[in-house]
Amino acid sequence: MTDENKTGLDVDDLLRRALADDLPADVAAGMRRRIERVRAGATEKGAPAGAWAWLFRRSVWAALAVLMLIAGFLLQGARSRSPLADRILELKAAAVNFETPRS
């Protein structure tokens, strides 16, 4: 336990002693039963369904990103050129040859 938790217990004890006569016995018993049901339900269920859905979506996005990287590497490795890329390279080469430095 940390020091914060220890002081929290002291405050809880103080509140219980100070407010002991304010809460009727049947209400306190009902609250205890409700707290026990909530705690029992939380331990039986485990992680909520929302957490599993979030984890599933995140893993799907990660797998998709890896597949996109692999596709990019395969396309680069294929060395297939498009006619548009060839034409752009020809234009760039012509522009370099056209703009020769003057002496």
N, C-alpha and C. Protein backbone atom coordinates (compact mmCIF):
# COMPACT_ATOMS: atom_id res chain seq x y z
N MET A 1 0.83 -1.19 0.00
CA MET A 1 0.00 0.00 0.00
C MET A 1 0.87 1.25 0.00
N THR A 2 0.37 2.24 -0.63
CA THR A 2 1.09 3.51 -0.62
C THR A 2 0.58 4.36 0.53
N ASP A 3 1.25 5.46 0.75
CA ASP A 3 0.84 6.36 1.83
C ASP A 3 -0.54 6.95 1.55
N GLU A 4 -0.84 7.18 0.27
CA GLU A 4 -2.15 7.74 -0.08
C GLU A 4 -3.26 6.78 0.32
N ASN A 5 -3.06 5.47 0.06
CA ASN A 5 -4.07 4.49 0.41
C ASN A 5 -4.24 4.40 1.93
N LYS A 6 -3.16 4.53 2.68
CA LYS A 6 -3.26 4.48 4.13
C LYS A 6 -4.04 5.66 4.67
N THR A 7 -3.83 6.82 4.11
CA THR A 7 -4.60 7.98 4.57
C THR A 7 -6.05 7.84 4.16
N GLY A 8 -6.29 7.20 3.00
CA GLY A 8 -7.66 6.96 2.57
C GLY A 8 -8.40 6.07 3.54
N LEU A 9 -7.72 5.05 4.09
CA LEU A 9 -8.34 4.18 5.07
C LEU A 9 -8.67 4.94 6.34
N ASP A 10 -7.80 5.83 6.74
CA ASP A 10 -8.06 6.63 7.94
C ASP A 10 -9.29 7.51 7.73
N VAL A 11 -9.42 8.09 6.55
CA VAL A 11 -10.58 8.92 6.25
C VAL A 11 -11.84 8.07 6.21
N ASP A 12 -11.75 6.87 5.62
CA ASP A 12 -12.91 5.98 5.59
C ASP A 12 -13.36 5.62 7.00
N ASP A 13 -12.42 5.28 7.87
CA ASP A 13 -12.77 4.95 9.25
C ASP A 13 -13.40 6.14 9.96
N LEU A 14 -12.86 7.32 9.72
CA LEU A 14 -13.42 8.53 10.33
C LEU A 14 -14.84 8.76 9.85
N LEU A 15 -15.07 8.60 8.56
CA LEU A 15 -16.43 8.79 8.03
C LEU A 15 -17.39 7.74 8.58
N ARG A 16 -16.94 6.51 8.70
CA ARG A 16 -17.81 5.46 9.24
C ARG A 16 -18.20 5.77 10.69
N ARG A 17 -17.23 6.21 11.46
CA ARG A 17 -17.54 6.53 12.86
C ARG A 17 -18.44 7.76 12.96
N ALA A 18 -18.17 8.75 12.12
CA ALA A 18 -18.96 9.99 12.20
C ALA A 18 -20.37 9.81 11.68
N LEU A 19 -20.54 8.97 10.68
CA LEU A 19 -21.85 8.82 10.04
C LEU A 19 -22.51 7.49 10.37
N ALA A 20 -22.10 6.82 11.41
CA ALA A 20 -22.62 5.50 11.74
C ALA A 20 -24.11 5.54 12.05
N ASP A 21 -24.58 6.57 12.71
CA ASP A 21 -25.99 6.62 13.10
C ASP A 21 -26.87 7.25 12.03
N ASP A 22 -26.30 7.78 10.94
CA ASP A 22 -27.10 8.43 9.91
C ASP A 22 -27.75 7.45 8.93
N LEU A 23 -27.17 6.28 8.77
CA LEU A 23 -27.66 5.33 7.77
C LEU A 23 -28.46 4.23 8.46
N PRO A 24 -29.72 4.03 8.06
CA PRO A 24 -30.51 2.95 8.67
C PRO A 24 -29.89 1.59 8.37
N ALA A 25 -30.11 0.64 9.22
CA ALA A 25 -29.51 -0.70 9.11
C ALA A 25 -29.96 -1.41 7.85
N ASP A 26 -31.25 -1.29 7.49
CA ASP A 26 -31.72 -1.98 6.29
C ASP A 26 -31.12 -1.39 5.02
N VAL A 27 -30.90 -0.09 5.01
CA VAL A 27 -30.27 0.55 3.86
C VAL A 27 -28.81 0.10 3.75
N ALA A 28 -28.11 0.05 4.85
CA ALA A 28 -26.71 -0.39 4.85
C ALA A 28 -26.62 -1.84 4.38
N ALA A 29 -27.55 -2.69 4.82
CA ALA A 29 -27.54 -4.10 4.40
C ALA A 29 -27.82 -4.20 2.90
N GLY A 30 -28.76 -3.39 2.39
CA GLY A 30 -29.06 -3.40 0.97
C GLY A 30 -27.87 -2.93 0.14
N MET A 31 -27.18 -1.93 0.65
CA MET A 31 -25.99 -1.44 -0.06
C MET A 31 -24.90 -2.50 -0.08
N ARG A 32 -24.73 -3.22 1.04
CA ARG A 32 -23.72 -4.28 1.07
C ARG A 32 -24.04 -5.38 0.06
N ARG A 33 -25.33 -5.77 0.01
CA ARG A 33 -25.73 -6.81 -0.95
C ARG A 33 -25.49 -6.36 -2.38
N ARG A 34 -25.83 -5.12 -2.66
CA ARG A 34 -25.63 -4.58 -4.01
C ARG A 34 -24.14 -4.55 -4.37
N ILE A 35 -23.30 -4.12 -3.45
CA ILE A 35 -21.85 -4.08 -3.69
C ILE A 35 -21.32 -5.48 -3.93
N GLU A 36 -21.80 -6.46 -3.15
CA GLU A 36 -21.36 -7.85 -3.34
C GLU A 36 -21.78 -8.38 -4.71
N ARG A 37 -23.00 -8.05 -5.15
CA ARG A 37 -23.45 -8.50 -6.48
C ARG A 37 -22.60 -7.88 -7.59
N VAL A 38 -22.29 -6.61 -7.46
CA VAL A 38 -21.48 -5.93 -8.48
C VAL A 38 -20.08 -6.54 -8.51
N ARG A 39 -19.49 -6.76 -7.36
CA ARG A 39 -18.16 -7.36 -7.31
C ARG A 39 -18.16 -8.77 -7.88
N ALA A 40 -19.18 -9.57 -7.55
CA ALA A 40 -19.26 -10.95 -8.06
C ALA A 40 -19.44 -10.94 -9.57
N GLY A 41 -20.26 -10.04 -10.09
CA GLY A 41 -20.47 -9.95 -11.53
C GLY A 41 -19.22 -9.51 -12.26
N ALA A 42 -18.46 -8.63 -11.66
CA ALA A 42 -17.24 -8.14 -12.30
C ALA A 42 -16.18 -9.24 -12.37
N THR A 43 -16.10 -10.07 -11.36
CA THR A 43 -15.10 -11.14 -11.38
C THR A 43 -15.51 -12.28 -12.31
N GLU A 44 -16.80 -12.51 -12.47
CA GLU A 44 -17.26 -13.58 -13.37
C GLU A 44 -17.08 -13.23 -14.83
N LYS A 45 -17.37 -11.99 -15.19
CA LYS A 45 -17.35 -11.58 -16.58
C LYS A 45 -15.95 -11.45 -17.13
N GLY A 46 -15.03 -10.98 -16.35
CA GLY A 46 -13.69 -10.71 -16.87
C GLY A 46 -13.67 -9.36 -17.56
N ALA A 47 -13.01 -9.30 -18.70
CA ALA A 47 -12.91 -8.04 -19.44
C ALA A 47 -14.24 -7.74 -20.14
N PRO A 48 -14.64 -6.48 -20.21
CA PRO A 48 -15.89 -6.14 -20.90
C PRO A 48 -15.78 -6.37 -22.40
N ALA A 49 -16.92 -6.53 -23.03
CA ALA A 49 -16.96 -6.81 -24.47
C ALA A 49 -16.39 -5.66 -25.28
N GLY A 50 -16.55 -4.45 -24.80
CA GLY A 50 -16.02 -3.29 -25.51
C GLY A 50 -14.51 -3.33 -25.64
N ALA A 51 -13.85 -3.84 -24.61
CA ALA A 51 -12.39 -3.94 -24.65
C ALA A 51 -11.95 -4.94 -25.71
N TRP A 52 -12.68 -6.05 -25.81
CA TRP A 52 -12.33 -7.05 -26.84
C TRP A 52 -12.58 -6.50 -28.24
N ALA A 53 -13.65 -5.75 -28.42
CA ALA A 53 -13.93 -5.17 -29.73
C ALA A 53 -12.85 -4.15 -30.12
N TRP A 54 -12.42 -3.34 -29.16
CA TRP A 54 -11.37 -2.36 -29.42
C TRP A 54 -10.07 -3.07 -29.79
N LEU A 55 -9.75 -4.12 -29.05
CA LEU A 55 -8.52 -4.87 -29.33
C LEU A 55 -8.60 -5.54 -30.71
N PHE A 56 -9.77 -6.06 -31.07
CA PHE A 56 -9.93 -6.69 -32.38
C PHE A 56 -9.77 -5.68 -33.50
N ARG A 57 -10.40 -4.50 -33.35
CA ARG A 57 -10.26 -3.46 -34.39
C ARG A 57 -8.82 -3.02 -34.54
N ARG A 58 -8.15 -2.88 -33.43
CA ARG A 58 -6.75 -2.44 -33.48
C ARG A 58 -5.88 -3.48 -34.17
N SER A 59 -6.11 -4.75 -33.90
CA SER A 59 -5.31 -5.79 -34.53
C SER A 59 -5.63 -5.89 -36.02
N VAL A 60 -6.87 -5.63 -36.40
CA VAL A 60 -7.23 -5.64 -37.82
C VAL A 60 -6.49 -4.51 -38.54
N TRP A 61 -6.45 -3.32 -37.94
CA TRP A 61 -5.74 -2.20 -38.57
C TRP A 61 -4.25 -2.49 -38.66
N ALA A 62 -3.69 -3.13 -37.64
CA ALA A 62 -2.26 -3.46 -37.68
C ALA A 62 -1.97 -4.46 -38.80
N ALA A 63 -2.82 -5.47 -38.94
CA ALA A 63 -2.63 -6.46 -40.01
C ALA A 63 -2.78 -5.80 -41.38
N LEU A 64 -3.72 -4.89 -41.52
CA LEU A 64 -3.91 -4.19 -42.78
C LEU A 64 -2.69 -3.33 -43.12
N ALA A 65 -2.11 -2.69 -42.11
CA ALA A 65 -0.92 -1.87 -42.35
C ALA A 65 0.26 -2.74 -42.80
N VAL A 66 0.42 -3.90 -42.18
CA VAL A 66 1.50 -4.80 -42.58
C VAL A 66 1.29 -5.29 -44.01
N LEU A 67 0.06 -5.62 -44.37
CA LEU A 67 -0.23 -6.05 -45.73
C LEU A 67 0.04 -4.94 -46.75
N MET A 68 -0.26 -3.71 -46.40
CA MET A 68 0.02 -2.59 -47.31
C MET A 68 1.53 -2.42 -47.50
N LEU A 69 2.31 -2.57 -46.42
CA LEU A 69 3.76 -2.49 -46.55
C LEU A 69 4.30 -3.59 -47.44
N ILE A 70 3.81 -4.81 -47.26
CA ILE A 70 4.26 -5.93 -48.09
C ILE A 70 3.90 -5.68 -49.55
N ALA A 71 2.69 -5.16 -49.80
CA ALA A 71 2.29 -4.87 -51.18
C ALA A 71 3.19 -3.80 -51.79
N GLY A 72 3.57 -2.79 -51.01
CA GLY A 72 4.47 -1.77 -51.51
C GLY A 72 5.83 -2.32 -51.86
N PHE A 73 6.36 -3.19 -50.99
CA PHE A 73 7.66 -3.81 -51.28
C PHE A 73 7.59 -4.68 -52.53
N LEU A 74 6.50 -5.43 -52.69
CA LEU A 74 6.37 -6.29 -53.87
C LEU A 74 6.25 -5.46 -55.14
N LEU A 75 5.52 -4.36 -55.07
CA LEU A 75 5.39 -3.51 -56.26
C LEU A 75 6.71 -2.85 -56.61
N GLN A 76 7.47 -2.47 -55.60
CA GLN A 76 8.78 -1.89 -55.88
C GLN A 76 9.72 -2.93 -56.46
N GLY A 77 9.64 -4.14 -55.96
CA GLY A 77 10.53 -5.20 -56.43
C GLY A 77 10.18 -5.69 -57.82
N ALA A 78 8.93 -5.51 -58.23
CA ALA A 78 8.52 -6.00 -59.55
C ALA A 78 9.14 -5.18 -60.67
N ARG A 79 9.51 -3.97 -60.40
CA ARG A 79 10.15 -3.07 -61.37
C ARG A 79 9.31 -2.88 -62.64
N SER A 80 8.03 -3.02 -62.52
CA SER A 80 7.18 -2.77 -63.69
C SER A 80 6.99 -1.27 -63.80
N ARG A 81 7.19 -0.76 -64.97
CA ARG A 81 7.10 0.68 -65.19
C ARG A 81 5.85 0.99 -65.99
N SER A 82 5.31 2.10 -65.69
CA SER A 82 4.13 2.52 -66.43
C SER A 82 4.56 3.45 -67.57
N PRO A 83 3.77 3.52 -68.63
CA PRO A 83 4.10 4.42 -69.74
C PRO A 83 4.12 5.88 -69.29
N LEU A 84 3.30 6.24 -68.33
CA LEU A 84 3.30 7.61 -67.84
C LEU A 84 4.62 7.94 -67.15
N ALA A 85 5.12 7.00 -66.33
CA ALA A 85 6.40 7.23 -65.65
C ALA A 85 7.53 7.34 -66.66
N ASP A 86 7.49 6.51 -67.71
CA ASP A 86 8.52 6.59 -68.75
C ASP A 86 8.49 7.95 -69.45
N ARG A 87 7.32 8.45 -69.74
CA ARG A 87 7.18 9.74 -70.42
C ARG A 87 7.68 10.88 -69.53
N ILE A 88 7.38 10.82 -68.25
CA ILE A 88 7.84 11.85 -67.32
C ILE A 88 9.37 11.84 -67.25
N LEU A 89 9.98 10.66 -67.22
CA LEU A 89 11.44 10.57 -67.20
C LEU A 89 12.05 11.14 -68.48
N GLU A 90 11.40 10.89 -69.60
CA GLU A 90 11.91 11.45 -70.86
C GLU A 90 11.85 12.97 -70.85
N LEU A 91 10.76 13.52 -70.32
CA LEU A 91 10.63 14.97 -70.24
C LEU A 91 11.67 15.58 -69.31
N LYS A 92 11.93 14.91 -68.18
CA LYS A 92 12.95 15.41 -67.25
C LYS A 92 14.33 15.38 -67.89
N ALA A 93 14.63 14.30 -68.61
CA ALA A 93 15.93 14.20 -69.28
C ALA A 93 16.06 15.27 -70.35
N ALA A 94 14.99 15.53 -71.08
CA ALA A 94 15.03 16.58 -72.11
C ALA A 94 15.23 17.95 -71.48
N ALA A 95 14.62 18.17 -70.32
CA ALA A 95 14.75 19.46 -69.65
C ALA A 95 16.18 19.65 -69.14
N VAL A 96 16.79 18.60 -68.68
CA VAL A 96 18.18 18.70 -68.20
C VAL A 96 19.11 18.98 -69.37
N ASN A 97 18.91 18.31 -70.49
CA ASN A 97 19.74 18.53 -71.66
C ASN A 97 19.50 19.91 -72.27
N PHE A 98 18.30 20.41 -72.16
CA PHE A 98 17.95 21.71 -72.73
C PHE A 98 18.60 22.85 -71.94
N GLU A 99 18.65 22.73 -70.62
CA GLU A 99 19.19 23.79 -69.77
C GLU A 99 20.66 23.52 -69.46
N THR A 100 21.49 23.61 -70.44
CA THR A 100 22.92 23.41 -70.19
C THR A 100 23.51 24.66 -69.61
N PRO A 101 24.48 24.54 -68.73
CA PRO A 101 25.08 25.73 -68.12
C PRO A 101 25.88 26.54 -69.16
N ARG A 102 25.81 27.85 -69.03
CA ARG A 102 26.52 28.74 -69.95
C ARG A 102 27.87 29.10 -69.36
N SER A 103 28.86 29.24 -70.18
CA SER A 103 30.19 29.61 -69.71
C SER A 103 30.50 31.05 -70.01
